[in-house]
């Protein structure tokens, strides 16, 4: 499951999101790189650091460049981000790579990144605990997206 055509992260410091999940009989690995600073282009945007403790402010509503001090709202940063996904489809066992927007939508009552398998076009969610996921209904003949 490790061979992928997508750019792999060298360390967790480069990422703003990482998840490795088992979805029914399939597996999903998803990661999102921290965006580059649009001002200086040298550094990546990160959550600001608390000067007293030296830890990142995880609930902050902005991202900051450590080099030049550029600030950007969290929502704007997340609109630019893309989720890189390497998966084994739980429906057809196809192994593939895809990317999707960094946009969570409601799936079986939980927030999730949802993408479609390249082979069978079934939806696959990346979500935290969903108890009803094993009863996931698959469509008989889903249509491929119009190009």
C-alpha atoms as a PDB file:
ATOM      1  CA  UNK A   1       0.000   0.000   0.000  1.00  0.00           C
ATOM      2  CA  UNK A   2       3.016   2.297   0.167  1.00  0.00           C
ATOM      3  CA  UNK A   3       3.721   2.801  -3.567  1.00  0.00           C
ATOM      4  CA  UNK A   4       2.037   5.962  -4.773  1.00  0.00           C
ATOM      5  CA  UNK A   5       2.410   8.514  -7.553  1.00  0.00           C
ATOM      6  CA  UNK A   6       1.583  11.368  -5.170  1.00  0.00           C
ATOM      7  CA  UNK A   7       4.265  13.423  -3.424  1.00  0.00           C
ATOM      8  CA  UNK A   8       5.109  11.746  -0.118  1.00  0.00           C
ATOM      9  CA  UNK A   9       5.859  13.793   3.024  1.00  0.00           C
ATOM     10  CA  UNK A  10       9.351  13.530   4.483  1.00  0.00           C
ATOM     11  CA  UNK A  11       8.176  14.328   8.027  1.00  0.00           C
ATOM     12  CA  UNK A  12       5.021  15.185   9.930  1.00  0.00           C
ATOM     13  CA  UNK A  13       6.240  18.792  10.259  1.00  0.00           C
ATOM     14  CA  UNK A  14       5.271  19.354   6.600  1.00  0.00           C
ATOM     15  CA  UNK A  15       1.653  18.319   7.172  1.00  0.00           C
ATOM     16  CA  UNK A  16      -1.417  20.029   8.549  1.00  0.00           C
ATOM     17  CA  UNK A  17      -3.534  16.822   8.373  1.00  0.00           C
ATOM     18  CA  UNK A  18      -2.700  13.107   8.302  1.00  0.00           C
ATOM     19  CA  UNK A  19      -4.978  10.105   8.651  1.00  0.00           C
ATOM     20  CA  UNK A  20      -4.603   6.358   8.227  1.00  0.00           C
ATOM     21  CA  UNK A  21      -7.963   4.589   8.389  1.00  0.00           C
ATOM     22  CA  UNK A  22      -9.574   1.239   7.736  1.00  0.00           C
ATOM     23  CA  UNK A  23     -12.874   1.618   5.885  1.00  0.00           C
ATOM     24  CA  UNK A  24     -14.765  -1.690   5.915  1.00  0.00           C
ATOM     25  CA  UNK A  25     -12.421  -4.032   3.976  1.00  0.00           C
ATOM     26  CA  UNK A  26     -10.367  -1.238   2.423  1.00  0.00           C
ATOM     27  CA  UNK A  27      -7.669   1.118   3.661  1.00  0.00           C
ATOM     28  CA  UNK A  28      -7.099   4.844   3.248  1.00  0.00           C
ATOM     29  CA  UNK A  29      -4.054   7.035   3.878  1.00  0.00           C
ATOM     30  CA  UNK A  30      -4.669  10.770   3.529  1.00  0.00           C
ATOM     31  CA  UNK A  31      -2.406  13.777   4.039  1.00  0.00           C
ATOM     32  CA  UNK A  32      -2.487  17.534   3.473  1.00  0.00           C
ATOM     33  CA  UNK A  33       0.682  19.593   3.112  1.00  0.00           C
ATOM     34  CA  UNK A  34       0.969  22.938   4.875  1.00  0.00           C
ATOM     35  CA  UNK A  35       0.649  25.676   2.240  1.00  0.00           C
ATOM     36  CA  UNK A  36       3.623  27.761   1.120  1.00  0.00           C
ATOM     37  CA  UNK A  37       3.733  31.389   2.241  1.00  0.00           C
ATOM     38  CA  UNK A  38       2.445  33.601  -0.625  1.00  0.00           C
ATOM     39  CA  UNK A  39       4.593  36.549   0.534  1.00  0.00           C
ATOM     40  CA  UNK A  40       8.101  35.115   0.851  1.00  0.00           C
ATOM     41  CA  UNK A  41       7.634  31.607  -0.602  1.00  0.00           C
ATOM     42  CA  UNK A  42      10.450  30.294   1.625  1.00  0.00           C
ATOM     43  CA  UNK A  43       8.507  28.937   4.578  1.00  0.00           C
ATOM     44  CA  UNK A  44       5.190  27.183   5.155  1.00  0.00           C
ATOM     45  CA  UNK A  45       2.193  28.669   6.956  1.00  0.00           C
ATOM     46  CA  UNK A  46       1.678  27.229  10.441  1.00  0.00           C
ATOM     47  CA  UNK A  47      -0.443  27.835  13.495  1.00  0.00           C
ATOM     48  CA  UNK A  48       1.020  30.612  15.682  1.00  0.00           C
ATOM     49  CA  UNK A  49       3.209  29.732  18.660  1.00  0.00           C
ATOM     50  CA  UNK A  50       2.361  30.693  22.233  1.00  0.00           C
ATOM     51  CA  UNK A  51       5.347  32.794  23.429  1.00  0.00           C
ATOM     52  CA  UNK A  52       5.010  31.636  27.060  1.00  0.00           C
ATOM     53  CA  UNK A  53       4.859  27.878  26.533  1.00  0.00           C
ATOM     54  CA  UNK A  54       6.419  27.545  23.067  1.00  0.00           C
ATOM     55  CA  UNK A  55       3.583  25.260  21.899  1.00  0.00           C
ATOM     56  CA  UNK A  56       1.377  25.738  18.837  1.00  0.00           C
ATOM     57  CA  UNK A  57      -2.035  27.344  19.356  1.00  0.00           C
ATOM     58  CA  UNK A  58      -4.130  24.533  17.856  1.00  0.00           C
ATOM     59  CA  UNK A  59      -7.446  26.398  18.090  1.00  0.00           C
ATOM     60  CA  UNK A  60      -6.178  29.568  16.448  1.00  0.00           C
ATOM     61  CA  UNK A  61      -8.243  30.946  13.563  1.00  0.00           C
ATOM     62  CA  UNK A  62      -5.202  32.017  11.548  1.00  0.00           C
ATOM     63  CA  UNK A  63      -2.009  30.656  10.017  1.00  0.00           C
ATOM     64  CA  UNK A  64       1.313  32.538  10.282  1.00  0.00           C
ATOM     65  CA  UNK A  65       4.608  32.435   8.368  1.00  0.00           C
ATOM     66  CA  UNK A  66       7.469  32.183  10.878  1.00  0.00           C
ATOM     67  CA  UNK A  67       9.929  33.867   8.482  1.00  0.00           C
ATOM     68  CA  UNK A  68       8.143  37.015   7.310  1.00  0.00           C
ATOM     69  CA  UNK A  69       5.202  37.240   9.754  1.00  0.00           C
ATOM     70  CA  UNK A  70       2.498  37.001   7.053  1.00  0.00           C
ATOM     71  CA  UNK A  71      -0.928  36.071   8.490  1.00  0.00           C
ATOM     72  CA  UNK A  72      -3.809  34.369   6.731  1.00  0.00           C
ATOM     73  CA  UNK A  73      -7.239  33.308   7.993  1.00  0.00           C
ATOM     74  CA  UNK A  74      -7.782  29.593   8.571  1.00  0.00           C
ATOM     75  CA  UNK A  75     -10.735  29.432   6.177  1.00  0.00           C
ATOM     76  CA  UNK A  76      -8.758  30.938   3.293  1.00  0.00           C
ATOM     77  CA  UNK A  77      -5.852  28.546   3.909  1.00  0.00           C
ATOM     78  CA  UNK A  78      -8.164  25.527   3.966  1.00  0.00           C
ATOM     79  CA  UNK A  79      -9.823  26.596   0.692  1.00  0.00           C
ATOM     80  CA  UNK A  80      -6.445  26.374  -1.071  1.00  0.00           C
ATOM     81  CA  UNK A  81      -5.463  23.021   0.450  1.00  0.00           C
ATOM     82  CA  UNK A  82      -5.935  19.645  -1.223  1.00  0.00           C
ATOM     83  CA  UNK A  83      -6.126  16.208   0.387  1.00  0.00           C
ATOM     84  CA  UNK A  84      -3.783  13.607  -1.150  1.00  0.00           C
ATOM     85  CA  UNK A  85      -5.282  10.126  -0.841  1.00  0.00           C
ATOM     86  CA  UNK A  86      -3.853   6.647  -1.397  1.00  0.00           C
ATOM     87  CA  UNK A  87      -6.523   3.964  -0.983  1.00  0.00           C
ATOM     88  CA  UNK A  88      -7.659   0.391  -1.435  1.00  0.00           C
ATOM     89  CA  UNK A  89     -11.360   0.473  -2.332  1.00  0.00           C
ATOM     90  CA  UNK A  90     -13.581  -1.504   0.080  1.00  0.00           C
ATOM     91  CA  UNK A  91     -16.045  -2.261  -2.741  1.00  0.00           C
ATOM     92  CA  UNK A  92     -13.839  -3.482  -5.621  1.00  0.00           C
ATOM     93  CA  UNK A  93     -10.366  -3.750  -3.969  1.00  0.00           C
ATOM     94  CA  UNK A  94      -8.854  -1.354  -6.527  1.00  0.00           C
ATOM     95  CA  UNK A  95      -5.687   0.364  -5.285  1.00  0.00           C
ATOM     96  CA  UNK A  96      -5.255   3.933  -6.425  1.00  0.00           C
ATOM     97  CA  UNK A  97      -4.373   7.559  -5.768  1.00  0.00           C
ATOM     98  CA  UNK A  98      -6.540  10.636  -5.904  1.00  0.00           C
ATOM     99  CA  UNK A  99      -6.804  14.173  -4.602  1.00  0.00           C
ATOM    100  CA  UNK A 100      -9.797  16.120  -3.389  1.00  0.00           C
ATOM    101  CA  UNK A 101     -10.574  19.494  -1.843  1.00  0.00           C
ATOM    102  CA  UNK A 102      -9.912  20.029   1.838  1.00  0.00           C
ATOM    103  CA  UNK A 103     -13.642  20.262   2.483  1.00  0.00           C
ATOM    104  CA  UNK A 104     -15.522  18.130   4.979  1.00  0.00           C
ATOM    105  CA  UNK A 105     -19.149  17.290   4.275  1.00  0.00           C
ATOM    106  CA  UNK A 106     -21.747  15.380   6.274  1.00  0.00           C
ATOM    107  CA  UNK A 107     -21.656  11.630   5.609  1.00  0.00           C
ATOM    108  CA  UNK A 108     -23.922   9.358   7.692  1.00  0.00           C
ATOM    109  CA  UNK A 109     -24.227  12.132  10.261  1.00  0.00           C
ATOM    110  CA  UNK A 110     -20.477  12.752  10.654  1.00  0.00           C
ATOM    111  CA  UNK A 111     -18.107  15.217   9.019  1.00  0.00           C
ATOM    112  CA  UNK A 112     -15.903  13.481   6.442  1.00  0.00           C
ATOM    113  CA  UNK A 113     -13.731  13.934   3.389  1.00  0.00           C
ATOM    114  CA  UNK A 114     -15.542  11.982   0.670  1.00  0.00           C
ATOM    115  CA  UNK A 115     -13.992  10.832  -2.604  1.00  0.00           C
ATOM    116  CA  UNK A 116     -14.885   8.342  -5.337  1.00  0.00           C
ATOM    117  CA  UNK A 117     -13.023   5.229  -6.398  1.00  0.00           C
ATOM    118  CA  UNK A 118     -11.475   5.547  -9.873  1.00  0.00           C
ATOM    119  CA  UNK A 119     -12.596   2.040 -10.828  1.00  0.00           C
ATOM    120  CA  UNK A 120     -16.152   1.509  -9.481  1.00  0.00           C
ATOM    121  CA  UNK A 121     -17.138   5.168  -8.732  1.00  0.00           C
ATOM    122  CA  UNK A 122     -18.391   4.328  -5.222  1.00  0.00           C
ATOM    123  CA  UNK A 123     -18.058   6.984  -2.527  1.00  0.00           C
ATOM    124  CA  UNK A 124     -15.454   6.342   0.167  1.00  0.00           C
ATOM    125  CA  UNK A 125     -15.446   8.492   3.342  1.00  0.00           C
ATOM    126  CA  UNK A 126     -12.484   9.474   5.500  1.00  0.00           C
ATOM    127  CA  UNK A 127     -14.102  10.047   8.858  1.00  0.00           C
ATOM    128  CA  UNK A 128     -13.710   9.364  12.522  1.00  0.00           C
ATOM    129  CA  UNK A 129     -15.860   6.705  14.120  1.00  0.00           C
ATOM    130  CA  UNK A 130     -19.021   5.905  12.160  1.00  0.00           C
ATOM    131  CA  UNK A 131     -20.803   2.914  13.649  1.00  0.00           C
ATOM    132  CA  UNK A 132     -23.069   2.386  10.634  1.00  0.00           C
ATOM    133  CA  UNK A 133     -20.179   2.260   8.158  1.00  0.00           C
ATOM    134  CA  UNK A 134     -20.272  -1.544   7.870  1.00  0.00           C
ATOM    135  CA  UNK A 135     -23.911  -1.257   6.737  1.00  0.00           C
ATOM    136  CA  UNK A 136     -22.834   1.167   4.024  1.00  0.00           C
ATOM    137  CA  UNK A 137     -25.110   0.839   1.006  1.00  0.00           C
ATOM    138  CA  UNK A 138     -23.414   0.773  -2.370  1.00  0.00           C
ATOM    139  CA  UNK A 139     -25.135   1.961  -5.510  1.00  0.00           C
ATOM    140  CA  UNK A 140     -25.860  -0.715  -8.118  1.00  0.00           C
ATOM    141  CA  UNK A 141     -24.372   1.091 -11.119  1.00  0.00           C
ATOM    142  CA  UNK A 142     -22.971   4.508 -10.218  1.00  0.00           C
ATOM    143  CA  UNK A 143     -22.251   6.762 -13.144  1.00  0.00           C
ATOM    144  CA  UNK A 144     -18.756   8.090 -13.788  1.00  0.00           C
ATOM    145  CA  UNK A 145     -18.369  11.863 -13.600  1.00  0.00           C
ATOM    146  CA  UNK A 146     -18.997  13.857 -16.770  1.00  0.00           C
ATOM    147  CA  UNK A 147     -15.809  15.173 -18.268  1.00  0.00           C
END
